[in-house]
Amino acid sequence: MQINKEIKYRDLPKAIQQHLHVFASFQTKQIIGGFTFILLNFSLFPLLVPFTYLYAALTVPLIIIINLWSIYLLFRSPYTIQVHVFLFLGMLSIVAAWAYTVAVQKYAYIILNVQGPLFLFLTVGIQVVLIVVMYLYYKGKMLNLDGQRNIKQPSKLTYILYGAGPALGYIFYHQVAKQSEMAMLMALLGVFYMFALVFSYTSVKFIHKYLFMRANSHLVKLEKPLKKSKQHHIEVK
């Protein structure tokens, strides 16, 4: 994971340069707040309604820990957590992926009465495959110092599907979900599973980015505060 220290930043492929970038200081706390108080805490709705002790016990303590961690970071100077924030987002993504996965299984088992292990194995299996594929992708991408020649780029169809997803969901809601309570519950389950997949992906992305930046701290360009600001000890940690 460590790049030869004789290689200069300007000689690295653009993809690797981007993987070494930090957030702008004015964005850091917005990102922390948005990921925590909106995206993560939204999972409390399916986890607590209807309330079941087992599902709450499996997830709520972890969500509380992430919330406390985020509050701590919000009181820190954004210049002192420029790399640490990626560790936070990686761990938050792991907890969020777990929370939404549990929410999916809860809705499927308790509300939709999906019995048997097939649904569990299928949904979790897809997540595991996604995590492995994304890990191998980032591992290969960051070792490809000659550019993007050996890394397969996402096709145009992939971007079209990403863009069409929300539109198709909107159409489904208006044409189908409003006509059936069961369809509405299935749509909610689909939304929760989408969040589980997204956070499975971001967990790999941010954890790998944090470890990659730590291993190549000599190439990380940290944002420095204005001269009038008195900041203490800014480092990659």
C-alpha atoms as a PDB file:
ATOM      1  CA  MET A   1       0.000   0.000   0.000  1.00  0.00           C
ATOM      2  CA  GLN A   2       2.980   2.293   0.506  1.00  0.00           C
ATOM      3  CA  ILE A   3       4.250   4.189  -2.534  1.00  0.00           C
ATOM      4  CA  ASN A   4       7.981   4.470  -3.134  1.00  0.00           C
ATOM      5  CA  LYS A   5       9.091   7.653  -1.396  1.00  0.00           C
ATOM      6  CA  GLU A   6      11.181   8.606  -4.410  1.00  0.00           C
ATOM      7  CA  ILE A   7       7.994   9.074  -6.477  1.00  0.00           C
ATOM      8  CA  LYS A   8       6.728  12.648  -6.472  1.00  0.00           C
ATOM      9  CA  TYR A   9       3.082  13.596  -6.040  1.00  0.00           C
ATOM     10  CA  ARG A  10       2.968  15.232  -9.475  1.00  0.00           C
ATOM     11  CA  ASP A  11       4.059  11.951 -11.087  1.00  0.00           C
ATOM     12  CA  LEU A  12       1.163   9.956  -9.644  1.00  0.00           C
ATOM     13  CA  PRO A  13      -1.935   9.097 -11.698  1.00  0.00           C
ATOM     14  CA  LYS A  14      -4.906  11.379 -11.112  1.00  0.00           C
ATOM     15  CA  ALA A  15      -6.900   8.602  -9.416  1.00  0.00           C
ATOM     16  CA  ILE A  16      -4.195   8.129  -6.780  1.00  0.00           C
ATOM     17  CA  GLN A  17      -3.846  11.881  -6.287  1.00  0.00           C
ATOM     18  CA  GLN A  18      -7.575  12.085  -5.618  1.00  0.00           C
ATOM     19  CA  HIS A  19      -7.313   9.227  -3.127  1.00  0.00           C
ATOM     20  CA  LEU A  20      -4.795  11.344  -1.207  1.00  0.00           C
ATOM     21  CA  HIS A  21      -6.998  14.445  -1.132  1.00  0.00           C
ATOM     22  CA  VAL A  22      -8.586  15.695   2.081  1.00  0.00           C
ATOM     23  CA  PHE A  23     -11.900  17.504   2.382  1.00  0.00           C
ATOM     24  CA  ALA A  24     -11.964  21.281   2.309  1.00  0.00           C
ATOM     25  CA  SER A  25     -11.999  22.581   5.889  1.00  0.00           C
ATOM     26  CA  PHE A  26     -15.433  24.194   5.481  1.00  0.00           C
ATOM     27  CA  GLN A  27     -16.903  20.872   4.267  1.00  0.00           C
ATOM     28  CA  THR A  28     -15.567  18.587   6.986  1.00  0.00           C
ATOM     29  CA  LYS A  29     -18.125  19.258   9.694  1.00  0.00           C
ATOM     30  CA  GLN A  30     -20.977  19.389   7.188  1.00  0.00           C
ATOM     31  CA  ILE A  31     -20.014  15.916   5.968  1.00  0.00           C
ATOM     32  CA  ILE A  32     -19.717  14.565   9.507  1.00  0.00           C
ATOM     33  CA  GLY A  33     -23.104  15.989  10.469  1.00  0.00           C
ATOM     34  CA  GLY A  34     -24.835  14.864   7.289  1.00  0.00           C
ATOM     35  CA  PHE A  35     -23.526  11.295   7.426  1.00  0.00           C
ATOM     36  CA  THR A  36     -24.288  10.942  11.131  1.00  0.00           C
ATOM     37  CA  PHE A  37     -27.454  12.837  11.944  1.00  0.00           C
ATOM     38  CA  ILE A  38     -29.250  12.222   8.645  1.00  0.00           C
ATOM     39  CA  LEU A  39     -28.006   9.099   6.877  1.00  0.00           C
ATOM     40  CA  LEU A  40     -27.025   6.990   9.898  1.00  0.00           C
ATOM     41  CA  ASN A  41     -29.731   8.080  12.320  1.00  0.00           C
ATOM     42  CA  PHE A  42     -32.432   7.500   9.696  1.00  0.00           C
ATOM     43  CA  SER A  43     -31.846   3.787  10.342  1.00  0.00           C
ATOM     44  CA  LEU A  44     -33.325   4.226  13.818  1.00  0.00           C
ATOM     45  CA  PHE A  45     -36.775   4.468  12.259  1.00  0.00           C
ATOM     46  CA  PRO A  46     -36.924   0.888  10.913  1.00  0.00           C
ATOM     47  CA  LEU A  47     -34.906  -0.429  13.846  1.00  0.00           C
ATOM     48  CA  LEU A  48     -37.217   0.962  16.525  1.00  0.00           C
ATOM     49  CA  VAL A  49     -40.612   0.899  14.753  1.00  0.00           C
ATOM     50  CA  PRO A  50     -42.083  -1.543  15.580  1.00  0.00           C
ATOM     51  CA  PHE A  51     -39.878  -2.005  18.615  1.00  0.00           C
ATOM     52  CA  THR A  52     -38.153  -5.349  19.093  1.00  0.00           C
ATOM     53  CA  TYR A  53     -35.512  -5.617  21.785  1.00  0.00           C
ATOM     54  CA  LEU A  54     -33.224  -7.979  19.874  1.00  0.00           C
ATOM     55  CA  TYR A  55     -32.855  -5.756  16.800  1.00  0.00           C
ATOM     56  CA  ALA A  56     -32.455  -2.626  18.911  1.00  0.00           C
ATOM     57  CA  ALA A  57     -29.799  -4.246  21.092  1.00  0.00           C
ATOM     58  CA  LEU A  58     -27.827  -5.334  18.030  1.00  0.00           C
ATOM     59  CA  THR A  59     -27.602  -1.856  16.559  1.00  0.00           C
ATOM     60  CA  VAL A  60     -28.573   1.076  18.786  1.00  0.00           C
ATOM     61  CA  PRO A  61     -25.483   0.944  21.088  1.00  0.00           C
ATOM     62  CA  LEU A  62     -23.211   1.145  18.041  1.00  0.00           C
ATOM     63  CA  ILE A  63     -25.205   4.046  16.600  1.00  0.00           C
ATOM     64  CA  ILE A  64     -24.938   5.882  19.929  1.00  0.00           C
ATOM     65  CA  ILE A  65     -21.144   5.415  19.928  1.00  0.00           C
ATOM     66  CA  ILE A  66     -20.873   6.861  16.412  1.00  0.00           C
ATOM     67  CA  ASN A  67     -23.062   9.814  17.409  1.00  0.00           C
ATOM     68  CA  LEU A  68     -20.855  10.556  20.426  1.00  0.00           C
ATOM     69  CA  TRP A  69     -17.751  10.258  18.238  1.00  0.00           C
ATOM     70  CA  SER A  70     -19.246  12.681  15.722  1.00  0.00           C
ATOM     71  CA  ILE A  71     -20.081  15.215  18.431  1.00  0.00           C
ATOM     72  CA  TYR A  72     -16.485  15.019  19.651  1.00  0.00           C
ATOM     73  CA  LEU A  73     -15.194  15.672  16.124  1.00  0.00           C
ATOM     74  CA  LEU A  74     -17.595  18.575  15.622  1.00  0.00           C
ATOM     75  CA  PHE A  75     -15.933  20.332  18.543  1.00  0.00           C
ATOM     76  CA  ARG A  76     -12.476  19.782  17.068  1.00  0.00           C
ATOM     77  CA  SER A  77     -10.816  22.128  14.623  1.00  0.00           C
ATOM     78  CA  PRO A  78     -11.345  20.831  11.067  1.00  0.00           C
ATOM     79  CA  TYR A  79      -7.614  21.299  10.444  1.00  0.00           C
ATOM     80  CA  THR A  80      -6.685  18.759  13.122  1.00  0.00           C
ATOM     81  CA  ILE A  81      -8.945  15.953  11.843  1.00  0.00           C
ATOM     82  CA  GLN A  82      -8.286  16.146   8.110  1.00  0.00           C
ATOM     83  CA  VAL A  83      -7.224  12.503   7.860  1.00  0.00           C
ATOM     84  CA  HIS A  84      -8.937  11.194  10.991  1.00  0.00           C
ATOM     85  CA  VAL A  85     -12.310  12.068   9.453  1.00  0.00           C
ATOM     86  CA  PHE A  86     -11.879   9.254   6.907  1.00  0.00           C
ATOM     87  CA  LEU A  87     -11.412   6.715   9.699  1.00  0.00           C
ATOM     88  CA  PHE A  88     -14.595   8.066  11.265  1.00  0.00           C
ATOM     89  CA  LEU A  89     -16.542   7.845   7.990  1.00  0.00           C
ATOM     90  CA  GLY A  90     -15.255   4.322   7.417  1.00  0.00           C
ATOM     91  CA  MET A  91     -16.357   3.130  10.860  1.00  0.00           C
ATOM     92  CA  LEU A  92     -19.653   5.009  10.532  1.00  0.00           C
ATOM     93  CA  SER A  93     -20.234   3.240   7.200  1.00  0.00           C
ATOM     94  CA  ILE A  94     -19.593  -0.155   8.789  1.00  0.00           C
ATOM     95  CA  VAL A  95     -22.106   0.576  11.557  1.00  0.00           C
ATOM     96  CA  ALA A  96     -24.628   2.023   9.083  1.00  0.00           C
ATOM     97  CA  ALA A  97     -24.291  -0.963   6.730  1.00  0.00           C
ATOM     98  CA  TRP A  98     -24.862  -3.267   9.705  1.00  0.00           C
ATOM     99  CA  ALA A  99     -27.830  -1.225  10.957  1.00  0.00           C
ATOM    100  CA  TYR A 100     -29.593  -1.151   7.598  1.00  0.00           C
ATOM    101  CA  THR A 101     -28.865  -4.845   7.041  1.00  0.00           C
ATOM    102  CA  VAL A 102     -30.498  -5.658  10.364  1.00  0.00           C
ATOM    103  CA  ALA A 103     -33.416  -3.375   9.447  1.00  0.00           C
ATOM    104  CA  VAL A 104     -33.898  -5.259   6.166  1.00  0.00           C
ATOM    105  CA  GLN A 105     -33.952  -8.619   7.927  1.00  0.00           C
ATOM    106  CA  LYS A 106     -36.330  -7.272  10.574  1.00  0.00           C
ATOM    107  CA  TYR A 107     -38.849  -5.950   8.041  1.00  0.00           C
ATOM    108  CA  ALA A 108     -38.594  -9.093   5.939  1.00  0.00           C
ATOM    109  CA  TYR A 109     -39.060 -11.473   8.867  1.00  0.00           C
ATOM    110  CA  ILE A 110     -41.487  -9.637  11.149  1.00  0.00           C
ATOM    111  CA  ILE A 111     -43.552  -7.478   8.786  1.00  0.00           C
ATOM    112  CA  LEU A 112     -43.411  -9.259   5.418  1.00  0.00           C
ATOM    113  CA  ASN A 113     -43.250 -12.711   7.033  1.00  0.00           C
ATOM    114  CA  VAL A 114     -40.376 -13.907   4.854  1.00  0.00           C
ATOM    115  CA  GLN A 115     -39.422 -17.285   6.304  1.00  0.00           C
ATOM    116  CA  GLY A 116     -36.350 -19.431   5.731  1.00  0.00           C
ATOM    117  CA  PRO A 117     -32.652 -18.594   5.382  1.00  0.00           C
ATOM    118  CA  LEU A 118     -32.653 -17.992   1.595  1.00  0.00           C
ATOM    119  CA  PHE A 119     -33.481 -14.270   1.835  1.00  0.00           C
ATOM    120  CA  LEU A 120     -30.800 -13.751   4.503  1.00  0.00           C
ATOM    121  CA  PHE A 121     -28.130 -15.604   2.523  1.00  0.00           C
ATOM    122  CA  LEU A 122     -29.032 -13.822  -0.710  1.00  0.00           C
ATOM    123  CA  THR A 123     -29.071 -10.253   0.633  1.00  0.00           C
ATOM    124  CA  VAL A 124     -26.007 -10.630   2.844  1.00  0.00           C
ATOM    125  CA  GLY A 125     -24.210 -12.558   0.109  1.00  0.00           C
ATOM    126  CA  ILE A 126     -24.656  -9.681  -2.329  1.00  0.00           C
ATOM    127  CA  GLN A 127     -23.174  -7.289   0.236  1.00  0.00           C
ATOM    128  CA  VAL A 128     -20.187  -9.554   0.844  1.00  0.00           C
ATOM    129  CA  VAL A 129     -19.535  -9.823  -2.889  1.00  0.00           C
ATOM    130  CA  LEU A 130     -19.782  -6.026  -3.218  1.00  0.00           C
ATOM    131  CA  ILE A 131     -17.290  -5.498  -0.385  1.00  0.00           C
ATOM    132  CA  VAL A 132     -14.795  -7.986  -1.848  1.00  0.00           C
ATOM    133  CA  VAL A 133     -15.106  -6.540  -5.363  1.00  0.00           C
ATOM    134  CA  MET A 134     -14.641  -2.959  -4.137  1.00  0.00           C
ATOM    135  CA  TYR A 135     -11.653  -3.961  -1.999  1.00  0.00           C
ATOM    136  CA  LEU A 136      -9.971  -5.637  -4.961  1.00  0.00           C
ATOM    137  CA  TYR A 137     -10.831  -2.636  -7.129  1.00  0.00           C
ATOM    138  CA  TYR A 138      -9.224  -0.106  -4.790  1.00  0.00           C
ATOM    139  CA  LYS A 139      -6.279  -2.391  -4.126  1.00  0.00           C
ATOM    140  CA  GLY A 140      -5.558  -2.700  -7.841  1.00  0.00           C
ATOM    141  CA  LYS A 141      -6.292   0.940  -8.561  1.00  0.00           C
ATOM    142  CA  MET A 142      -3.866   2.260  -5.969  1.00  0.00           C
ATOM    143  CA  LEU A 143      -1.078  -0.051  -7.153  1.00  0.00           C
ATOM    144  CA  ASN A 144      -1.458   1.020 -10.763  1.00  0.00           C
ATOM    145  CA  LEU A 145       1.153   3.780 -10.847  1.00  0.00           C
ATOM    146  CA  ASP A 146       1.151   3.880 -14.643  1.00  0.00           C
ATOM    147  CA  GLY A 147      -2.350   5.307 -14.839  1.00  0.00           C
ATOM    148  CA  GLN A 148      -5.646   3.689 -15.686  1.00  0.00           C
ATOM    149  CA  ARG A 149      -4.566   1.293 -18.418  1.00  0.00           C
ATOM    150  CA  ASN A 150      -5.195  -1.874 -16.430  1.00  0.00           C
ATOM    151  CA  ILE A 151      -8.194  -0.654 -14.455  1.00  0.00           C
ATOM    152  CA  LYS A 152     -11.570  -1.173 -16.039  1.00  0.00           C
ATOM    153  CA  GLN A 153     -13.566   2.027 -15.874  1.00  0.00           C
ATOM    154  CA  PRO A 154     -17.308   2.062 -15.170  1.00  0.00           C
ATOM    155  CA  SER A 155     -19.280   2.014 -18.386  1.00  0.00           C
ATOM    156  CA  LYS A 156     -21.683   4.748 -19.439  1.00  0.00           C
ATOM    157  CA  LEU A 157     -24.485   2.298 -18.751  1.00  0.00           C
ATOM    158  CA  THR A 158     -23.423   2.204 -15.087  1.00  0.00           C
ATOM    159  CA  TYR A 159     -23.821   5.968 -14.747  1.00  0.00           C
ATOM    160  CA  ILE A 160     -27.175   5.822 -16.547  1.00  0.00           C
ATOM    161  CA  LEU A 161     -28.417   3.174 -14.107  1.00  0.00           C
ATOM    162  CA  TYR A 162     -27.219   5.236 -11.127  1.00  0.00           C
ATOM    163  CA  GLY A 163     -29.124   8.239 -12.445  1.00  0.00           C
ATOM    164  CA  ALA A 164     -32.214   6.242 -13.400  1.00  0.00           C
ATOM    165  CA  GLY A 165     -32.519   4.566  -9.995  1.00  0.00           C
ATOM    166  CA  PRO A 166     -34.146   7.466  -8.108  1.00  0.00           C
ATOM    167  CA  ALA A 167     -36.443   8.192 -11.059  1.00  0.00           C
ATOM    168  CA  LEU A 168     -37.589   4.578 -11.275  1.00  0.00           C
ATOM    169  CA  GLY A 169     -38.165   4.529  -7.522  1.00  0.00           C
ATOM    170  CA  TYR A 170     -40.302   7.664  -7.761  1.00  0.00           C
ATOM    171  CA  ILE A 171     -42.379   6.156 -10.567  1.00  0.00           C
ATOM    172  CA  PHE A 172     -42.766   2.904  -8.633  1.00  0.00           C
ATOM    173  CA  TYR A 173     -43.981   4.774  -5.575  1.00  0.00           C
ATOM    174  CA  HIS A 174     -46.673   6.697  -7.446  1.00  0.00           C
ATOM    175  CA  GLN A 175     -47.847   3.871  -9.673  1.00  0.00           C
ATOM    176  CA  VAL A 176     -47.647   0.887  -7.359  1.00  0.00           C
ATOM    177  CA  ALA A 177     -46.857   1.672  -3.728  1.00  0.00           C
ATOM    178  CA  LYS A 178     -49.869   3.939  -3.231  1.00  0.00           C
ATOM    179  CA  GLN A 179     -52.166   1.111  -4.299  1.00  0.00           C
ATOM    180  CA  SER A 180     -50.963  -1.485  -1.872  1.00  0.00           C
ATOM    181  CA  GLU A 181     -49.715  -1.408   1.710  1.00  0.00           C
ATOM    182  CA  MET A 182     -47.674  -4.530   1.049  1.00  0.00           C
ATOM    183  CA  ALA A 183     -46.038  -2.900  -1.972  1.00  0.00           C
ATOM    184  CA  MET A 184     -45.222   0.136   0.159  1.00  0.00           C
ATOM    185  CA  LEU A 185     -43.543  -2.042   2.759  1.00  0.00           C
ATOM    186  CA  MET A 186     -41.576  -3.803   0.031  1.00  0.00           C
ATOM    187  CA  ALA A 187     -40.517  -0.414  -1.328  1.00  0.00           C
ATOM    188  CA  LEU A 188     -39.288   0.614   2.128  1.00  0.00           C
ATOM    189  CA  LEU A 189     -37.370  -2.629   2.433  1.00  0.00           C
ATOM    190  CA  GLY A 190     -35.784  -1.888  -0.938  1.00  0.00           C
ATOM    191  CA  VAL A 191     -34.748   1.586   0.247  1.00  0.00           C
ATOM    192  CA  PHE A 192     -33.190   0.177   3.412  1.00  0.00           C
ATOM    193  CA  TYR A 193     -31.300  -2.427   1.404  1.00  0.00           C
ATOM    194  CA  MET A 194     -30.063   0.256  -0.972  1.00  0.00           C
ATOM    195  CA  PHE A 195     -28.632   2.134   2.029  1.00  0.00           C
ATOM    196  CA  ALA A 196     -27.019  -1.109   3.240  1.00  0.00           C
ATOM    197  CA  LEU A 197     -25.302  -1.551  -0.130  1.00  0.00           C
ATOM    198  CA  VAL A 198     -24.208   2.081  -0.357  1.00  0.00           C
ATOM    199  CA  PHE A 199     -22.676   2.008   3.120  1.00  0.00           C
ATOM    200  CA  SER A 200     -21.014  -1.330   2.378  1.00  0.00           C
ATOM    201  CA  TYR A 201     -19.306   0.415  -0.519  1.00  0.00           C
ATOM    202  CA  THR A 202     -18.357   3.573   1.428  1.00  0.00           C
ATOM    203  CA  SER A 203     -16.965   1.483   4.291  1.00  0.00           C
ATOM    204  CA  VAL A 204     -14.393  -0.007   1.912  1.00  0.00           C
ATOM    205  CA  LYS A 205     -13.708   3.315   0.239  1.00  0.00           C
ATOM    206  CA  PHE A 206     -13.096   5.371   3.379  1.00  0.00           C
ATOM    207  CA  ILE A 207     -11.208   2.713   5.349  1.00  0.00           C
ATOM    208  CA  HIS A 208      -8.926   2.074   2.385  1.00  0.00           C
ATOM    209  CA  LYS A 209      -8.472   5.820   1.860  1.00  0.00           C
ATOM    210  CA  TYR A 210      -7.553   6.338   5.527  1.00  0.00           C
ATOM    211  CA  LEU A 211      -5.021   3.486   5.548  1.00  0.00           C
ATOM    212  CA  PHE A 212      -3.612   4.593   2.191  1.00  0.00           C
ATOM    213  CA  MET A 213      -3.135   8.151   3.451  1.00  0.00           C
ATOM    214  CA  ARG A 214      -1.503   6.928   6.644  1.00  0.00           C
ATOM    215  CA  ALA A 215       0.884   4.738   4.664  1.00  0.00           C
ATOM    216  CA  ASN A 216       1.757   7.625   2.319  1.00  0.00           C
ATOM    217  CA  SER A 217       1.613  10.583   4.682  1.00  0.00           C
ATOM    218  CA  HIS A 218       4.534  12.213   2.854  1.00  0.00           C
ATOM    219  CA  LEU A 219       2.264  12.640  -0.185  1.00  0.00           C
ATOM    220  CA  VAL A 220      -0.797  13.968   1.642  1.00  0.00           C
ATOM    221  CA  LYS A 221      -1.298  17.700   1.229  1.00  0.00           C
ATOM    222  CA  LEU A 222      -3.062  18.956   4.316  1.00  0.00           C
ATOM    223  CA  GLU A 223      -4.983  22.203   4.253  1.00  0.00           C
ATOM    224  CA  LYS A 224      -3.359  24.833   6.443  1.00  0.00           C
ATOM    225  CA  PRO A 225      -5.250  27.416   8.505  1.00  0.00           C
ATOM    226  CA  LEU A 226      -5.040  31.117   7.847  1.00  0.00           C
ATOM    227  CA  LYS A 227      -2.137  32.884   9.524  1.00  0.00           C
ATOM    228  CA  LYS A 228      -4.485  34.679  11.880  1.00  0.00           C
ATOM    229  CA  SER A 229      -5.849  31.375  13.155  1.00  0.00           C
ATOM    230  CA  LYS A 230      -3.961  29.763  15.980  1.00  0.00           C
ATOM    231  CA  GLN A 231      -4.061  26.019  15.410  1.00  0.00           C
ATOM    232  CA  HIS A 232      -2.065  23.353  17.170  1.00  0.00           C
ATOM    233  CA  HIS A 233      -0.252  20.343  15.791  1.00  0.00           C
ATOM    234  CA  ILE A 234      -1.666  19.426  12.388  1.00  0.00           C
ATOM    235  CA  GLU A 235      -0.567  15.985  11.212  1.00  0.00           C
ATOM    236  CA  VAL A 236      -1.682  12.825   9.460  1.00  0.00           C
ATOM    237  CA  LYS A 237      -3.049  10.652  12.202  1.00  0.00           C
END
